[in-house]
Amino acid sequence: MKHLICILILAALISCEGPSPRHPVKRNTTSSIQVSIERSKKLLALEEAMIQQVIAKDSLNTYVNSDTGSWYYYNKKNQSANYMAQPDDLVTLTYNILTLTNDTIYSMQDVGILKYKVDKQEFFPGLRNSVKLLKENETATFLFPSSLGYGYPGDGDKIGINMPLKSTIAIVKIEKENDTL
């Protein structure tokens, strides 16, 4: 009986070890990230080819490639102005959104005239970048790959998944940030 009690006490002491930590399960996610990167590169190359086809068919306009990845031409250029919108400036503008085949998604009347605090309000990336390329009283037409438009989710309404866009942007007025203080 004495041996049985000793064995039970010894078993109880051994079983009272602290909890052993669980080790994390290692998952190799680099392969799925790499697949996503490759898919994005292929999509961008396809969209850029579509944009180049639009540019090649348009012999009336001279397109400029912006540093941010869009292409544009001026509909109306203001030779007398030299100031372009800077962060925190208040810009009055209007724009439309079309497909690359010129089907209207949102007209300028749908959008209306907007006031935009540069880099402080949410617009799609192409519009945010394009506003800083134009001067007061200038209008330009931009071609955006979907990554500069509404990307994978679209806008939840009329703009679909991964849709490259065409947009004419008109800058009505630029109020410098230090002028509004």
C-alpha atoms as a PDB file:
ATOM      1  CA  MET A   1       0.000   0.000   0.000  1.00  0.00           C
ATOM      2  CA  LYS A   2       2.890   2.314   0.824  1.00  0.00           C
ATOM      3  CA  HIS A   3       4.317   1.714  -2.645  1.00  0.00           C
ATOM      4  CA  LEU A   4       0.978   2.470  -4.258  1.00  0.00           C
ATOM      5  CA  ILE A   5       0.706   5.812  -2.439  1.00  0.00           C
ATOM      6  CA  CYS A   6       4.269   6.706  -3.456  1.00  0.00           C
ATOM      7  CA  ILE A   7       3.564   5.827  -7.076  1.00  0.00           C
ATOM      8  CA  LEU A   8       0.349   7.916  -7.068  1.00  0.00           C
ATOM      9  CA  ILE A   9       2.153  10.911  -5.516  1.00  0.00           C
ATOM     10  CA  LEU A  10       5.013  10.560  -7.999  1.00  0.00           C
ATOM     11  CA  ALA A  11       2.553  10.292 -10.918  1.00  0.00           C
ATOM     12  CA  ALA A  12       0.694  13.375  -9.665  1.00  0.00           C
ATOM     13  CA  LEU A  13       3.926  15.369  -9.430  1.00  0.00           C
ATOM     14  CA  ILE A  14       5.078  14.343 -12.889  1.00  0.00           C
ATOM     15  CA  SER A  15       1.712  15.139 -14.460  1.00  0.00           C
ATOM     16  CA  CYS A  16       1.676  18.628 -12.925  1.00  0.00           C
ATOM     17  CA  GLU A  17       4.202  20.030 -15.368  1.00  0.00           C
ATOM     18  CA  GLY A  18       3.379  23.468 -16.736  1.00  0.00           C
ATOM     19  CA  PRO A  19       1.671  23.714 -20.080  1.00  0.00           C
ATOM     20  CA  SER A  20       3.990  23.162 -22.985  1.00  0.00           C
ATOM     21  CA  PRO A  21       3.917  25.964 -25.539  1.00  0.00           C
ATOM     22  CA  ARG A  22       2.368  25.313 -28.905  1.00  0.00           C
ATOM     23  CA  HIS A  23       4.674  25.920 -31.800  1.00  0.00           C
ATOM     24  CA  PRO A  24       3.296  27.892 -34.731  1.00  0.00           C
ATOM     25  CA  VAL A  25       2.378  26.026 -37.853  1.00  0.00           C
ATOM     26  CA  LYS A  26       4.705  27.101 -40.614  1.00  0.00           C
ATOM     27  CA  ARG A  27       3.014  27.928 -43.866  1.00  0.00           C
ATOM     28  CA  ASN A  28       4.766  28.791 -47.052  1.00  0.00           C
ATOM     29  CA  THR A  29       2.910  31.856 -48.366  1.00  0.00           C
ATOM     30  CA  THR A  30       5.628  33.101 -50.687  1.00  0.00           C
ATOM     31  CA  SER A  31       4.362  30.900 -53.490  1.00  0.00           C
ATOM     32  CA  SER A  32       0.840  32.384 -53.354  1.00  0.00           C
ATOM     33  CA  ILE A  33       2.260  35.909 -53.170  1.00  0.00           C
ATOM     34  CA  GLN A  34       4.480  35.170 -56.153  1.00  0.00           C
ATOM     35  CA  VAL A  35       1.485  33.856 -58.124  1.00  0.00           C
ATOM     36  CA  SER A  36      -0.436  37.053 -57.305  1.00  0.00           C
ATOM     37  CA  ILE A  37       2.491  39.233 -58.401  1.00  0.00           C
ATOM     38  CA  GLU A  38       2.784  37.377 -61.705  1.00  0.00           C
ATOM     39  CA  ARG A  39      -0.983  37.661 -62.302  1.00  0.00           C
ATOM     40  CA  SER A  40      -0.849  41.423 -61.620  1.00  0.00           C
ATOM     41  CA  LYS A  41       2.087  41.882 -64.006  1.00  0.00           C
ATOM     42  CA  LYS A  42       0.261  40.023 -66.782  1.00  0.00           C
ATOM     43  CA  LEU A  43      -2.905  42.064 -66.210  1.00  0.00           C
ATOM     44  CA  LEU A  44      -0.965  45.346 -66.327  1.00  0.00           C
ATOM     45  CA  ALA A  45       0.808  44.287 -69.537  1.00  0.00           C
ATOM     46  CA  LEU A  46      -2.538  43.385 -71.146  1.00  0.00           C
ATOM     47  CA  GLU A  47      -4.127  46.692 -70.119  1.00  0.00           C
ATOM     48  CA  GLU A  48      -1.107  48.686 -71.322  1.00  0.00           C
ATOM     49  CA  ALA A  49      -1.365  46.913 -74.694  1.00  0.00           C
ATOM     50  CA  MET A  50      -5.054  47.902 -74.871  1.00  0.00           C
ATOM     51  CA  ILE A  51      -4.128  51.519 -74.058  1.00  0.00           C
ATOM     52  CA  GLN A  52      -1.380  51.499 -76.716  1.00  0.00           C
ATOM     53  CA  GLN A  53      -3.969  50.327 -79.276  1.00  0.00           C
ATOM     54  CA  VAL A  54      -6.220  53.261 -78.357  1.00  0.00           C
ATOM     55  CA  ILE A  55      -3.267  55.659 -78.695  1.00  0.00           C
ATOM     56  CA  ALA A  56      -2.239  54.149 -82.054  1.00  0.00           C
ATOM     57  CA  LYS A  57      -5.774  54.625 -83.452  1.00  0.00           C
ATOM     58  CA  ASP A  58      -5.924  58.266 -82.272  1.00  0.00           C
ATOM     59  CA  SER A  59      -3.891  60.181 -84.861  1.00  0.00           C
ATOM     60  CA  LEU A  60      -5.366  63.564 -83.875  1.00  0.00           C
ATOM     61  CA  ASN A  61      -3.777  63.804 -80.424  1.00  0.00           C
ATOM     62  CA  THR A  62      -0.259  63.624 -79.022  1.00  0.00           C
ATOM     63  CA  TYR A  63      -0.140  61.566 -75.846  1.00  0.00           C
ATOM     64  CA  VAL A  64       2.214  62.101 -72.936  1.00  0.00           C
ATOM     65  CA  ASN A  65       3.168  59.279 -70.573  1.00  0.00           C
ATOM     66  CA  SER A  66       3.024  60.452 -66.960  1.00  0.00           C
ATOM     67  CA  ASP A  67       5.448  59.306 -64.261  1.00  0.00           C
ATOM     68  CA  THR A  68       2.586  57.568 -62.457  1.00  0.00           C
ATOM     69  CA  GLY A  69       1.629  55.253 -65.331  1.00  0.00           C
ATOM     70  CA  SER A  70      -1.186  57.049 -67.140  1.00  0.00           C
ATOM     71  CA  TRP A  71      -1.220  58.517 -70.654  1.00  0.00           C
ATOM     72  CA  TYR A  72      -2.867  61.823 -71.504  1.00  0.00           C
ATOM     73  CA  TYR A  73      -3.325  64.557 -74.082  1.00  0.00           C
ATOM     74  CA  TYR A  74      -4.474  68.137 -73.660  1.00  0.00           C
ATOM     75  CA  ASN A  75      -7.922  69.130 -74.861  1.00  0.00           C
ATOM     76  CA  LYS A  76      -7.329  72.705 -73.696  1.00  0.00           C
ATOM     77  CA  LYS A  77      -3.936  74.024 -72.601  1.00  0.00           C
ATOM     78  CA  ASN A  78      -3.409  77.226 -70.616  1.00  0.00           C
ATOM     79  CA  GLN A  79      -0.144  78.774 -71.854  1.00  0.00           C
ATOM     80  CA  SER A  80      -0.385  81.794 -69.545  1.00  0.00           C
ATOM     81  CA  ALA A  81      -0.598  79.851 -66.256  1.00  0.00           C
ATOM     82  CA  ASN A  82       2.449  78.272 -64.677  1.00  0.00           C
ATOM     83  CA  TYR A  83       1.151  76.988 -61.332  1.00  0.00           C
ATOM     84  CA  MET A  84       0.061  73.367 -60.915  1.00  0.00           C
ATOM     85  CA  ALA A  85      -1.856  72.122 -57.891  1.00  0.00           C
ATOM     86  CA  GLN A  86       0.218  71.157 -54.864  1.00  0.00           C
ATOM     87  CA  PRO A  87      -0.734  69.163 -51.751  1.00  0.00           C
ATOM     88  CA  ASP A  88      -3.288  70.978 -49.573  1.00  0.00           C
ATOM     89  CA  ASP A  89      -4.423  73.298 -52.401  1.00  0.00           C
ATOM     90  CA  LEU A  90      -8.164  73.485 -53.017  1.00  0.00           C
ATOM     91  CA  VAL A  91      -8.985  72.576 -56.625  1.00  0.00           C
ATOM     92  CA  THR A  92     -12.364  73.075 -58.287  1.00  0.00           C
ATOM     93  CA  LEU A  93     -12.767  70.497 -61.046  1.00  0.00           C
ATOM     94  CA  THR A  94     -15.053  68.275 -62.998  1.00  0.00           C
ATOM     95  CA  TYR A  95     -14.419  65.009 -64.786  1.00  0.00           C
ATOM     96  CA  ASN A  96     -16.083  62.150 -66.595  1.00  0.00           C
ATOM     97  CA  ILE A  97     -15.302  58.449 -66.744  1.00  0.00           C
ATOM     98  CA  LEU A  98     -15.503  56.392 -69.929  1.00  0.00           C
ATOM     99  CA  THR A  99     -14.463  52.948 -71.059  1.00  0.00           C
ATOM    100  CA  LEU A 100     -11.522  52.742 -73.456  1.00  0.00           C
ATOM    101  CA  THR A 101     -14.106  52.333 -76.253  1.00  0.00           C
ATOM    102  CA  ASN A 102     -15.713  55.682 -75.300  1.00  0.00           C
ATOM    103  CA  ASP A 103     -18.837  54.306 -73.622  1.00  0.00           C
ATOM    104  CA  THR A 104     -19.881  56.775 -70.918  1.00  0.00           C
ATOM    105  CA  ILE A 105     -19.857  55.400 -67.391  1.00  0.00           C
ATOM    106  CA  TYR A 106     -20.205  58.717 -65.522  1.00  0.00           C
ATOM    107  CA  SER A 107     -20.707  61.986 -67.427  1.00  0.00           C
ATOM    108  CA  MET A 108     -19.492  65.382 -66.233  1.00  0.00           C
ATOM    109  CA  GLN A 109     -23.115  66.177 -65.433  1.00  0.00           C
ATOM    110  CA  ASP A 110     -23.325  63.044 -63.249  1.00  0.00           C
ATOM    111  CA  VAL A 111     -20.174  64.042 -61.370  1.00  0.00           C
ATOM    112  CA  GLY A 112     -20.856  67.782 -61.239  1.00  0.00           C
ATOM    113  CA  ILE A 113     -18.355  70.409 -60.131  1.00  0.00           C
ATOM    114  CA  LEU A 114     -16.297  69.283 -57.154  1.00  0.00           C
ATOM    115  CA  LYS A 115     -13.928  70.921 -54.715  1.00  0.00           C
ATOM    116  CA  TYR A 116     -10.950  68.719 -53.952  1.00  0.00           C
ATOM    117  CA  LYS A 117      -8.306  69.240 -51.274  1.00  0.00           C
ATOM    118  CA  VAL A 118      -5.221  67.866 -53.046  1.00  0.00           C
ATOM    119  CA  ASP A 119      -3.919  64.636 -51.470  1.00  0.00           C
ATOM    120  CA  LYS A 120      -6.326  64.978 -48.528  1.00  0.00           C
ATOM    121  CA  GLN A 121      -9.516  63.515 -49.994  1.00  0.00           C
ATOM    122  CA  GLU A 122     -10.285  60.096 -51.411  1.00  0.00           C
ATOM    123  CA  PHE A 123     -10.474  59.909 -55.191  1.00  0.00           C
ATOM    124  CA  PHE A 124      -9.287  57.041 -57.326  1.00  0.00           C
ATOM    125  CA  PRO A 125      -5.460  57.071 -57.701  1.00  0.00           C
ATOM    126  CA  GLY A 126      -5.403  58.198 -61.340  1.00  0.00           C
ATOM    127  CA  LEU A 127      -7.504  61.264 -60.601  1.00  0.00           C
ATOM    128  CA  ARG A 128      -5.439  62.196 -57.539  1.00  0.00           C
ATOM    129  CA  ASN A 129      -2.254  62.063 -59.633  1.00  0.00           C
ATOM    130  CA  SER A 130      -3.720  63.783 -62.696  1.00  0.00           C
ATOM    131  CA  VAL A 131      -4.964  66.849 -60.838  1.00  0.00           C
ATOM    132  CA  LYS A 132      -1.322  67.674 -60.036  1.00  0.00           C
ATOM    133  CA  LEU A 133      -0.388  67.601 -63.752  1.00  0.00           C
ATOM    134  CA  LEU A 134      -2.827  70.297 -64.839  1.00  0.00           C
ATOM    135  CA  LYS A 135      -2.981  74.070 -64.430  1.00  0.00           C
ATOM    136  CA  GLU A 136      -6.012  76.272 -63.912  1.00  0.00           C
ATOM    137  CA  ASN A 137      -8.370  76.338 -66.948  1.00  0.00           C
ATOM    138  CA  GLU A 138      -6.779  73.256 -68.504  1.00  0.00           C
ATOM    139  CA  THR A 139      -8.567  70.141 -69.682  1.00  0.00           C
ATOM    140  CA  ALA A 140      -6.915  66.845 -70.523  1.00  0.00           C
ATOM    141  CA  THR A 141      -8.022  63.322 -71.350  1.00  0.00           C
ATOM    142  CA  PHE A 142      -6.304  60.525 -69.444  1.00  0.00           C
ATOM    143  CA  LEU A 143      -6.058  56.787 -70.040  1.00  0.00           C
ATOM    144  CA  PHE A 144      -5.652  54.752 -66.849  1.00  0.00           C
ATOM    145  CA  PRO A 145      -4.856  51.068 -66.323  1.00  0.00           C
ATOM    146  CA  SER A 146      -7.194  49.509 -63.754  1.00  0.00           C
ATOM    147  CA  SER A 147      -4.531  49.792 -61.048  1.00  0.00           C
ATOM    148  CA  LEU A 148      -4.896  53.596 -61.286  1.00  0.00           C
ATOM    149  CA  GLY A 149      -8.667  53.366 -61.606  1.00  0.00           C
ATOM    150  CA  TYR A 150     -10.834  51.363 -59.253  1.00  0.00           C
ATOM    151  CA  GLY A 151      -8.721  48.191 -59.426  1.00  0.00           C
ATOM    152  CA  TYR A 152      -9.995  44.759 -58.544  1.00  0.00           C
ATOM    153  CA  PRO A 153     -13.176  45.732 -56.650  1.00  0.00           C
ATOM    154  CA  GLY A 154     -14.452  48.308 -59.161  1.00  0.00           C
ATOM    155  CA  ASP A 155     -16.629  51.051 -57.726  1.00  0.00           C
ATOM    156  CA  GLY A 156     -19.432  48.742 -56.633  1.00  0.00           C
ATOM    157  CA  ASP A 157     -21.792  50.287 -59.175  1.00  0.00           C
ATOM    158  CA  LYS A 158     -20.980  50.894 -62.843  1.00  0.00           C
ATOM    159  CA  ILE A 159     -17.226  50.253 -62.974  1.00  0.00           C
ATOM    160  CA  GLY A 160     -16.382  46.573 -63.147  1.00  0.00           C
ATOM    161  CA  ILE A 161     -13.482  44.479 -61.936  1.00  0.00           C
ATOM    162  CA  ASN A 162     -10.045  45.464 -63.302  1.00  0.00           C
ATOM    163  CA  MET A 163     -11.468  47.930 -65.814  1.00  0.00           C
ATOM    164  CA  PRO A 164      -9.050  50.354 -67.530  1.00  0.00           C
ATOM    165  CA  LEU A 165     -10.601  53.809 -67.807  1.00  0.00           C
ATOM    166  CA  LYS A 166     -10.603  56.956 -69.882  1.00  0.00           C
ATOM    167  CA  SER A 167     -11.324  60.253 -68.141  1.00  0.00           C
ATOM    168  CA  THR A 168     -11.460  63.885 -69.216  1.00  0.00           C
ATOM    169  CA  ILE A 169     -10.526  66.167 -66.328  1.00  0.00           C
ATOM    170  CA  ALA A 170     -11.119  69.909 -66.331  1.00  0.00           C
ATOM    171  CA  ILE A 171      -9.515  72.169 -63.726  1.00  0.00           C
ATOM    172  CA  VAL A 172     -11.732  75.184 -63.141  1.00  0.00           C
ATOM    173  CA  LYS A 173      -9.802  76.890 -60.340  1.00  0.00           C
ATOM    174  CA  ILE A 174      -6.807  76.312 -58.074  1.00  0.00           C
ATOM    175  CA  GLU A 175      -6.712  78.031 -54.694  1.00  0.00           C
ATOM    176  CA  LYS A 176      -3.228  77.875 -53.215  1.00  0.00           C
ATOM    177  CA  GLU A 177      -3.121  76.492 -49.695  1.00  0.00           C
ATOM    178  CA  ASN A 178      -1.386  79.572 -48.284  1.00  0.00           C
ATOM    179  CA  ASP A 179      -3.980  81.845 -49.982  1.00  0.00           C
ATOM    180  CA  THR A 180      -6.843  80.189 -48.112  1.00  0.00           C
ATOM    181  CA  LEU A 181      -5.355  80.818 -44.637  1.00  0.00           C
END
